[in-house]
């Protein structure tokens, strides 16, 4: 795949499709990954408005409406395994990501 930056938009293209990679565009970071007690979700250019954590069956486990460029979530109550995140930014862009709970 190839990446191009046009103005403030990062475009990813391969032989099958063209898409915008918002995680790269907004420099999304999730750390530590894997984690056992707390994760930090951080962006460089735009505020995070909402974070939702789902298990692999699709059940919502955590919802956070903490706003900011960096949000910390306590994940101690989650069981070990893979979790999916739905991160809503101030401009209503939604980014999907994942992390592993130790």
Protein backbone atom coordinates (compact mmCIF):
# COMPACT_ATOMS: atom_id res chain seq x y z
CA UNK A 1 0.00 0.00 0.00
CA UNK A 2 1.13 3.57 -0.63
CA UNK A 3 0.43 6.63 1.50
CA UNK A 4 -0.01 10.20 0.30
CA UNK A 5 -0.65 13.35 2.31
CA UNK A 6 -2.91 15.87 0.57
CA UNK A 7 -3.38 19.00 2.67
CA UNK A 8 -4.32 17.52 6.08
CA UNK A 9 -5.63 14.21 4.71
CA UNK A 10 -3.60 11.01 4.64
CA UNK A 11 -4.68 8.74 1.79
CA UNK A 12 -3.80 5.06 1.66
CA UNK A 13 -4.11 3.27 -1.66
CA UNK A 14 -3.54 -0.27 -2.78
CA UNK A 15 -4.70 -2.26 -5.80
CA UNK A 16 -8.11 -2.97 -4.28
CA UNK A 17 -9.18 0.24 -2.54
CA UNK A 18 -8.42 3.76 -1.47
CA UNK A 19 -9.10 4.84 2.11
CA UNK A 20 -8.22 7.49 4.65
CA UNK A 21 -6.24 6.17 7.60
CA UNK A 22 -7.54 8.39 10.41
CA UNK A 23 -5.40 6.68 13.06
CA UNK A 24 -2.27 7.79 11.21
CA UNK A 25 -3.70 11.17 10.21
CA UNK A 26 -4.49 12.12 13.83
CA UNK A 27 -1.41 10.29 15.17
CA UNK A 28 -3.47 8.04 17.43
CA UNK A 29 -1.48 6.19 20.09
CA UNK A 30 -2.74 3.51 22.47
CA UNK A 31 -0.29 2.47 25.17
CA UNK A 32 0.85 0.35 26.81
CA UNK A 33 -0.33 -2.50 24.66
CA UNK A 34 -0.65 -5.10 26.08
CA UNK A 35 -1.80 -3.56 29.37
CA UNK A 36 -3.02 -4.82 32.72
CA UNK A 37 -4.28 -1.82 34.73
CA UNK A 38 -4.61 1.30 32.59
CA UNK A 39 -4.36 2.36 28.95
CA UNK A 40 -3.76 5.81 27.51
CA UNK A 41 -5.39 6.88 24.27
CA UNK A 42 -3.70 9.93 22.76
CA UNK A 43 -4.02 12.06 19.62
CA UNK A 44 -1.81 14.90 18.45
CA UNK A 45 -4.21 17.08 16.50
CA UNK A 46 -7.80 16.78 17.75
CA UNK A 47 -9.73 16.14 20.94
CA UNK A 48 -11.11 12.75 21.85
CA UNK A 49 -14.80 13.01 22.79
CA UNK A 50 -15.78 9.42 23.60
CA UNK A 51 -14.12 6.02 23.97
CA UNK A 52 -16.00 2.72 23.94
CA UNK A 53 -14.41 -0.64 24.72
CA UNK A 54 -16.00 -3.85 23.39
CA UNK A 55 -15.16 -7.50 23.92
CA UNK A 56 -14.76 -9.78 20.90
CA UNK A 57 -18.45 -10.77 21.12
CA UNK A 58 -19.47 -7.14 20.62
CA UNK A 59 -20.61 -6.42 24.18
CA UNK A 60 -19.79 -2.89 25.35
CA UNK A 61 -17.61 -3.17 28.46
CA UNK A 62 -16.54 0.44 29.13
CA UNK A 63 -17.75 3.85 27.95
CA UNK A 64 -15.79 7.01 28.71
CA UNK A 65 -16.87 10.55 27.88
CA UNK A 66 -13.60 12.01 29.13
CA UNK A 67 -12.52 14.73 26.70
CA UNK A 68 -8.99 15.71 25.78
CA UNK A 69 -5.95 14.97 23.67
CA UNK A 70 -4.94 12.14 26.05
CA UNK A 71 -7.41 9.99 27.99
CA UNK A 72 -6.59 7.31 30.53
CA UNK A 73 -8.89 4.35 31.10
CA UNK A 74 -8.82 1.95 34.03
CA UNK A 75 -9.10 -1.59 32.61
CA UNK A 76 -8.41 -3.57 35.79
CA UNK A 77 -11.92 -5.06 35.84
CA UNK A 78 -11.64 -6.50 32.32
CA UNK A 79 -10.77 -10.17 31.86
CA UNK A 80 -7.64 -11.13 29.94
CA UNK A 81 -8.04 -11.05 26.17
CA UNK A 82 -8.43 -8.92 23.06
CA UNK A 83 -10.63 -5.80 23.17
CA UNK A 84 -11.85 -3.46 20.45
CA UNK A 85 -12.08 0.31 20.79
CA UNK A 86 -14.36 2.82 19.13
CA UNK A 87 -12.84 6.28 19.54
CA UNK A 88 -14.98 9.29 18.58
CA UNK A 89 -13.13 12.52 17.88
CA UNK A 90 -14.38 16.11 18.18
CA UNK A 91 -14.93 16.33 14.39
CA UNK A 92 -17.16 13.20 14.64
CA UNK A 93 -14.56 10.96 12.96
CA UNK A 94 -14.63 7.45 14.43
CA UNK A 95 -11.42 5.44 14.72
CA UNK A 96 -11.39 1.72 15.51
CA UNK A 97 -8.43 0.19 17.31
CA UNK A 98 -7.65 -2.76 19.59
CA UNK A 99 -5.60 -3.67 22.62
CA UNK A 100 -4.75 -6.74 24.67
CA UNK A 101 -5.54 -6.99 28.38
CA UNK A 102 -2.97 -9.04 30.32
